[in-house]
Amino acid sequence: MNTKLVESLIQIIFSLSDEERSLLEERLFFNSSYQSTPEIMELADRSKVFEFLYDEPDLYTLEDGEPI
């Protein structure tokens, strides 16, 4: 294990401004290889994978009363 490298990296990270640290965290912890929620929703809509739900009966109506 390269302890000197790790210690140097820690010193560099502590010397960063708040803005620089935020950018570093974003780059390290945000995996942009995954699709966003809106992209997944659009894919599901375009692929018609949930079309079968239109044939399902409505279980609840406005006349059912207050939610439990």
PDB file of N, CA and C in Angstrom:
ATOM      1  N   MET A   1       0.853  -1.170   0.000  1.00  0.00           N
ATOM      2  CA  MET A   1       0.000   0.000   0.000  1.00  0.00           C
ATOM      3  C   MET A   1       0.902   1.237   0.000  1.00  0.00           C
ATOM      4  N   ASN A   2       0.506   2.218  -0.784  1.00  0.00           N
ATOM      5  CA  ASN A   2       1.292   3.439  -0.917  1.00  0.00           C
ATOM      6  C   ASN A   2       0.777   4.489   0.080  1.00  0.00           C
ATOM      7  N   THR A   3       1.251   4.399   1.292  1.00  0.00           N
ATOM      8  CA  THR A   3       0.812   5.271   2.377  1.00  0.00           C
ATOM      9  C   THR A   3       1.162   6.726   2.110  1.00  0.00           C
ATOM     10  N   LYS A   4       2.327   6.978   1.539  1.00  0.00           N
ATOM     11  CA  LYS A   4       2.735   8.360   1.263  1.00  0.00           C
ATOM     12  C   LYS A   4       1.788   9.008   0.256  1.00  0.00           C
ATOM     13  N   LEU A   5       1.369   8.250  -0.750  1.00  0.00           N
ATOM     14  CA  LEU A   5       0.444   8.775  -1.746  1.00  0.00           C
ATOM     15  C   LEU A   5      -0.897   9.109  -1.099  1.00  0.00           C
ATOM     16  N   VAL A   6      -1.388   8.217  -0.270  1.00  0.00           N
ATOM     17  CA  VAL A   6      -2.669   8.434   0.403  1.00  0.00           C
ATOM     18  C   VAL A   6      -2.591   9.671   1.293  1.00  0.00           C
ATOM     19  N   GLU A   7      -1.534   9.805   2.049  1.00  0.00           N
ATOM     20  CA  GLU A   7      -1.369  10.975   2.917  1.00  0.00           C
ATOM     21  C   GLU A   7      -1.286  12.266   2.097  1.00  0.00           C
ATOM     22  N   SER A   8      -0.606  12.208   0.976  1.00  0.00           N
ATOM     23  CA  SER A   8      -0.503  13.390   0.103  1.00  0.00           C
ATOM     24  C   SER A   8      -1.863  13.756  -0.455  1.00  0.00           C
ATOM     25  N   LEU A   9      -2.628  12.775  -0.876  1.00  0.00           N
ATOM     26  CA  LEU A   9      -3.967  13.036  -1.394  1.00  0.00           C
ATOM     27  C   LEU A   9      -4.867  13.656  -0.334  1.00  0.00           C
ATOM     28  N   ILE A  10      -4.759  13.172   0.886  1.00  0.00           N
ATOM     29  CA  ILE A  10      -5.564  13.723   1.979  1.00  0.00           C
ATOM     30  C   ILE A  10      -5.207  15.186   2.210  1.00  0.00           C
ATOM     31  N   GLN A  11      -3.921  15.504   2.202  1.00  0.00           N
ATOM     32  CA  GLN A  11      -3.491  16.894   2.378  1.00  0.00           C
ATOM     33  C   GLN A  11      -4.021  17.768   1.246  1.00  0.00           C
ATOM     34  N   ILE A  12      -3.958  17.258   0.037  1.00  0.00           N
ATOM     35  CA  ILE A  12      -4.455  18.034  -1.111  1.00  0.00           C
ATOM     36  C   ILE A  12      -5.949  18.261  -0.987  1.00  0.00           C
ATOM     37  N   ILE A  13      -6.686  17.229  -0.621  1.00  0.00           N
ATOM     38  CA  ILE A  13      -8.146  17.351  -0.479  1.00  0.00           C
ATOM     39  C   ILE A  13      -8.494  18.372   0.598  1.00  0.00           C
ATOM     40  N   PHE A  14      -7.788  18.338   1.721  1.00  0.00           N
ATOM     41  CA  PHE A  14      -8.053  19.299   2.791  1.00  0.00           C
ATOM     42  C   PHE A  14      -7.697  20.724   2.381  1.00  0.00           C
ATOM     43  N   SER A  15      -6.827  20.873   1.396  1.00  0.00           N
ATOM     44  CA  SER A  15      -6.445  22.221   0.963  1.00  0.00           C
ATOM     45  C   SER A  15      -7.415  22.805  -0.066  1.00  0.00           C
ATOM     46  N   LEU A  16      -8.352  21.996  -0.550  1.00  0.00           N
ATOM     47  CA  LEU A  16      -9.313  22.471  -1.550  1.00  0.00           C
ATOM     48  C   LEU A  16     -10.347  23.410  -0.934  1.00  0.00           C
ATOM     49  N   SER A  17     -10.848  24.303  -1.765  1.00  0.00           N
ATOM     50  CA  SER A  17     -11.943  25.167  -1.326  1.00  0.00           C
ATOM     51  C   SER A  17     -13.228  24.333  -1.268  1.00  0.00           C
ATOM     52  N   ASP A  18     -14.266  24.882  -0.665  1.00  0.00           N
ATOM     53  CA  ASP A  18     -15.542  24.172  -0.594  1.00  0.00           C
ATOM     54  C   ASP A  18     -16.077  23.847  -1.990  1.00  0.00           C
ATOM     55  N   GLU A  19     -15.930  24.805  -2.900  1.00  0.00           N
ATOM     56  CA  GLU A  19     -16.402  24.602  -4.274  1.00  0.00           C
ATOM     57  C   GLU A  19     -15.620  23.469  -4.954  1.00  0.00           C
ATOM     58  N   GLU A  20     -14.320  23.452  -4.747  1.00  0.00           N
ATOM     59  CA  GLU A  20     -13.487  22.406  -5.337  1.00  0.00           C
ATOM     60  C   GLU A  20     -13.804  21.038  -4.743  1.00  0.00           C
ATOM     61  N   ARG A  21     -14.056  21.014  -3.439  1.00  0.00           N
ATOM     62  CA  ARG A  21     -14.429  19.739  -2.802  1.00  0.00           C
ATOM     63  C   ARG A  21     -15.761  19.226  -3.327  1.00  0.00           C
ATOM     64  N   SER A  22     -16.695  20.134  -3.530  1.00  0.00           N
ATOM     65  CA  SER A  22     -17.998  19.729  -4.072  1.00  0.00           C
ATOM     66  C   SER A  22     -17.841  19.127  -5.457  1.00  0.00           C
ATOM     67  N   LEU A  23     -17.013  19.745  -6.263  1.00  0.00           N
ATOM     68  CA  LEU A  23     -16.758  19.217  -7.605  1.00  0.00           C
ATOM     69  C   LEU A  23     -16.099  17.847  -7.521  1.00  0.00           C
ATOM     70  N   LEU A  24     -15.147  17.696  -6.635  1.00  0.00           N
ATOM     71  CA  LEU A  24     -14.476  16.407  -6.449  1.00  0.00           C
ATOM     72  C   LEU A  24     -15.467  15.336  -6.015  1.00  0.00           C
ATOM     73  N   GLU A  25     -16.321  15.646  -5.039  1.00  0.00           N
ATOM     74  CA  GLU A  25     -17.323  14.686  -4.579  1.00  0.00           C
ATOM     75  C   GLU A  25     -18.275  14.298  -5.698  1.00  0.00           C
ATOM     76  N   GLU A  26     -18.674  15.288  -6.483  1.00  0.00           N
ATOM     77  CA  GLU A  26     -19.584  15.009  -7.597  1.00  0.00           C
ATOM     78  C   GLU A  26     -18.933  14.049  -8.586  1.00  0.00           C
ATOM     79  N   ARG A  27     -17.691  14.295  -8.894  1.00  0.00           N
ATOM     80  CA  ARG A  27     -16.983  13.444  -9.848  1.00  0.00           C
ATOM     81  C   ARG A  27     -16.739  12.048  -9.293  1.00  0.00           C
ATOM     82  N   LEU A  28     -16.455  11.956  -7.995  1.00  0.00           N
ATOM     83  CA  LEU A  28     -16.152  10.660  -7.397  1.00  0.00           C
ATOM     84  C   LEU A  28     -17.391   9.813  -7.143  1.00  0.00           C
ATOM     85  N   PHE A  29     -18.467  10.452  -6.680  1.00  0.00           N
ATOM     86  CA  PHE A  29     -19.601   9.692  -6.178  1.00  0.00           C
ATOM     87  C   PHE A  29     -20.820   9.696  -7.084  1.00  0.00           C
ATOM     88  N   PHE A  30     -20.819  10.490  -8.138  1.00  0.00           N
ATOM     89  CA  PHE A  30     -21.953  10.504  -9.053  1.00  0.00           C
ATOM     90  C   PHE A  30     -21.581   9.712 -10.286  1.00  0.00           C
ATOM     91  N   ASN A  31     -22.274   8.603 -10.491  1.00  0.00           N
ATOM     92  CA  ASN A  31     -21.987   7.750 -11.634  1.00  0.00           C
ATOM     93  C   ASN A  31     -22.908   8.144 -12.779  1.00  0.00           C
ATOM     94  N   SER A  32     -22.394   8.887 -13.724  1.00  0.00           N
ATOM     95  CA  SER A  32     -23.229   9.367 -14.818  1.00  0.00           C
ATOM     96  C   SER A  32     -23.465   8.314 -15.886  1.00  0.00           C
ATOM     97  N   SER A  33     -22.945   7.104 -15.681  1.00  0.00           N
ATOM     98  CA  SER A  33     -23.185   6.051 -16.667  1.00  0.00           C
ATOM     99  C   SER A  33     -24.602   5.499 -16.541  1.00  0.00           C
ATOM    100  N   TYR A  34     -25.272   5.795 -15.437  1.00  0.00           N
ATOM    101  CA  TYR A  34     -26.657   5.363 -15.258  1.00  0.00           C
ATOM    102  C   TYR A  34     -27.613   6.402 -15.837  1.00  0.00           C
ATOM    103  N   GLN A  35     -28.735   5.927 -16.331  1.00  0.00           N
ATOM    104  CA  GLN A  35     -29.729   6.842 -16.867  1.00  0.00           C
ATOM    105  C   GLN A  35     -30.421   7.575 -15.721  1.00  0.00           C
ATOM    106  N   SER A  36     -30.880   8.782 -16.030  1.00  0.00           N
ATOM    107  CA  SER A  36     -31.608   9.558 -15.043  1.00  0.00           C
ATOM    108  C   SER A  36     -33.047   9.053 -14.967  1.00  0.00           C
ATOM    109  N   THR A  37     -33.753   9.443 -13.924  1.00  0.00           N
ATOM    110  CA  THR A  37     -35.148   9.030 -13.755  1.00  0.00           C
ATOM    111  C   THR A  37     -36.005   9.457 -14.945  1.00  0.00           C
ATOM    112  N   PRO A  38     -35.897  10.712 -15.412  1.00  0.00           N
ATOM    113  CA  PRO A  38     -36.700  11.081 -16.587  1.00  0.00           C
ATOM    114  C   PRO A  38     -36.374  10.234 -17.824  1.00  0.00           C
ATOM    115  N   GLU A  39     -35.111   9.868 -17.993  1.00  0.00           N
ATOM    116  CA  GLU A  39     -34.738   9.024 -19.131  1.00  0.00           C
ATOM    117  C   GLU A  39     -35.358   7.636 -19.012  1.00  0.00           C
ATOM    118  N   ILE A  40     -35.387   7.084 -17.814  1.00  0.00           N
ATOM    119  CA  ILE A  40     -35.993   5.772 -17.596  1.00  0.00           C
ATOM    120  C   ILE A  40     -37.495   5.835 -17.835  1.00  0.00           C
ATOM    121  N   MET A  41     -38.121   6.925 -17.378  1.00  0.00           N
ATOM    122  CA  MET A  41     -39.561   7.085 -17.590  1.00  0.00           C
ATOM    123  C   MET A  41     -39.879   7.185 -19.083  1.00  0.00           C
ATOM    124  N   GLU A  42     -39.072   7.914 -19.807  1.00  0.00           N
ATOM    125  CA  GLU A  42     -39.304   8.048 -21.247  1.00  0.00           C
ATOM    126  C   GLU A  42     -39.123   6.706 -21.946  1.00  0.00           C
ATOM    127  N   LEU A  43     -38.116   5.945 -21.548  1.00  0.00           N
ATOM    128  CA  LEU A  43     -37.888   4.626 -22.124  1.00  0.00           C
ATOM    129  C   LEU A  43     -39.076   3.704 -21.873  1.00  0.00           C
ATOM    130  N   ALA A  44     -39.588   3.712 -20.641  1.00  0.00           N
ATOM    131  CA  ALA A  44     -40.745   2.877 -20.309  1.00  0.00           C
ATOM    132  C   ALA A  44     -41.963   3.295 -21.117  1.00  0.00           C
ATOM    133  N   ASP A  45     -42.140   4.593 -21.300  1.00  0.00           N
ATOM    134  CA  ASP A  45     -43.278   5.092 -22.073  1.00  0.00           C
ATOM    135  C   ASP A  45     -43.157   4.695 -23.545  1.00  0.00           C
ATOM    136  N   ARG A  46     -41.993   4.878 -24.100  1.00  0.00           N
ATOM    137  CA  ARG A  46     -41.794   4.557 -25.522  1.00  0.00           C
ATOM    138  C   ARG A  46     -41.865   3.056 -25.794  1.00  0.00           C
ATOM    139  N   SER A  47     -41.394   2.252 -24.846  1.00  0.00           N
ATOM    140  CA  SER A  47     -41.361   0.802 -25.080  1.00  0.00           C
ATOM    141  C   SER A  47     -42.707   0.135 -24.816  1.00  0.00           C
ATOM    142  N   LYS A  48     -43.642   0.871 -24.213  1.00  0.00           N
ATOM    143  CA  LYS A  48     -45.001   0.366 -23.956  1.00  0.00           C
ATOM    144  C   LYS A  48     -45.021  -0.842 -23.012  1.00  0.00           C
ATOM    145  N   VAL A  49     -44.015  -0.965 -22.145  1.00  0.00           N
ATOM    146  CA  VAL A  49     -43.947  -2.121 -21.255  1.00  0.00           C
ATOM    147  C   VAL A  49     -45.057  -2.148 -20.211  1.00  0.00           C
ATOM    148  N   PHE A  50     -45.659  -1.004 -19.927  1.00  0.00           N
ATOM    149  CA  PHE A  50     -46.719  -0.960 -18.931  1.00  0.00           C
ATOM    150  C   PHE A  50     -48.107  -0.803 -19.538  1.00  0.00           C
ATOM    151  N   GLU A  51     -48.219  -1.023 -20.826  1.00  0.00           N
ATOM    152  CA  GLU A  51     -49.503  -0.903 -21.515  1.00  0.00           C
ATOM    153  C   GLU A  51     -50.557  -1.850 -20.934  1.00  0.00           C
ATOM    154  N   PHE A  52     -50.134  -2.997 -20.421  1.00  0.00           N
ATOM    155  CA  PHE A  52     -51.078  -3.961 -19.863  1.00  0.00           C
ATOM    156  C   PHE A  52     -51.878  -3.379 -18.703  1.00  0.00           C
ATOM    157  N   LEU A  53     -51.334  -2.345 -18.061  1.00  0.00           N
ATOM    158  CA  LEU A  53     -52.039  -1.750 -16.926  1.00  0.00           C
ATOM    159  C   LEU A  53     -53.314  -1.026 -17.341  1.00  0.00           C
ATOM    160  N   TYR A  54     -53.400  -0.625 -18.608  1.00  0.00           N
ATOM    161  CA  TYR A  54     -54.613   0.046 -19.074  1.00  0.00           C
ATOM    162  C   TYR A  54     -55.799  -0.909 -19.079  1.00  0.00           C
ATOM    163  N   ASP A  55     -55.538  -2.211 -19.161  1.00  0.00           N
ATOM    164  CA  ASP A  55     -56.604  -3.207 -19.160  1.00  0.00           C
ATOM    165  C   ASP A  55     -56.987  -3.663 -17.753  1.00  0.00           C
ATOM    166  N   GLU A  56     -56.227  -3.239 -16.766  1.00  0.00           N
ATOM    167  CA  GLU A  56     -56.514  -3.612 -15.381  1.00  0.00           C
ATOM    168  C   GLU A  56     -57.682  -2.779 -14.859  1.00  0.00           C
ATOM    169  N   PRO A  57     -58.515  -3.380 -14.024  1.00  0.00           N
ATOM    170  CA  PRO A  57     -59.636  -2.608 -13.472  1.00  0.00           C
ATOM    171  C   PRO A  57     -59.126  -1.567 -12.467  1.00  0.00           C
ATOM    172  N   ASP A  58     -59.852  -0.464 -12.377  1.00  0.00           N
ATOM    173  CA  ASP A  58     -59.531   0.542 -11.376  1.00  0.00           C
ATOM    174  C   ASP A  58     -59.983   0.014 -10.014  1.00  0.00           C
ATOM    175  N   LEU A  59     -59.061  -0.079  -9.078  1.00  0.00           N
ATOM    176  CA  LEU A  59     -59.383  -0.611  -7.759  1.00  0.00           C
ATOM    177  C   LEU A  59     -60.008   0.441  -6.856  1.00  0.00           C
ATOM    178  N   TYR A  60     -59.684   1.680  -7.100  1.00  0.00           N
ATOM    179  CA  TYR A  60     -60.175   2.755  -6.246  1.00  0.00           C
ATOM    180  C   TYR A  60     -60.801   3.846  -7.107  1.00  0.00           C
ATOM    181  N   THR A  61     -61.797   4.483  -6.554  1.00  0.00           N
ATOM    182  CA  THR A  61     -62.429   5.608  -7.238  1.00  0.00           C
ATOM    183  C   THR A  61     -62.520   6.773  -6.263  1.00  0.00           C
ATOM    184  N   LEU A  62     -62.962   7.913  -6.752  1.00  0.00           N
ATOM    185  CA  LEU A  62     -63.113   9.072  -5.876  1.00  0.00           C
ATOM    186  C   LEU A  62     -64.210   8.849  -4.849  1.00  0.00           C
ATOM    187  N   GLU A  63     -65.148   7.941  -5.126  1.00  0.00           N
ATOM    188  CA  GLU A  63     -66.260   7.676  -4.213  1.00  0.00           C
ATOM    189  C   GLU A  63     -65.884   6.706  -3.096  1.00  0.00           C
ATOM    190  N   ASP A  64     -64.677   6.204  -3.060  1.00  0.00           N
ATOM    191  CA  ASP A  64     -64.261   5.231  -2.057  1.00  0.00           C
ATOM    192  C   ASP A  64     -64.104   5.831  -0.659  1.00  0.00           C
ATOM    193  N   GLY A  65     -64.053   7.118  -0.549  1.00  0.00           N
ATOM    194  CA  GLY A  65     -63.939   7.737   0.771  1.00  0.00           C
ATOM    195  C   GLY A  65     -62.521   8.169   1.072  1.00  0.00           C
ATOM    196  N   GLU A  66     -62.274   8.415   2.338  1.00  0.00           N
ATOM    197  CA  GLU A  66     -60.964   8.904   2.753  1.00  0.00           C
ATOM    198  C   GLU A  66     -59.953   7.764   2.809  1.00  0.00           C
ATOM    199  N   PRO A  67     -58.697   8.069   2.520  1.00  0.00           N
ATOM    200  CA  PRO A  67     -57.675   7.011   2.623  1.00  0.00           C
ATOM    201  C   PRO A  67     -57.471   6.601   4.071  1.00  0.00           C
ATOM    202  N   ILE A  68     -57.063   5.393   4.252  1.00  0.00           N
ATOM    203  CA  ILE A  68     -56.815   4.858   5.611  1.00  0.00           C
ATOM    204  C   ILE A  68     -55.461   5.284   6.088  1.00  0.00           C
TER     205      ILE A  68
END
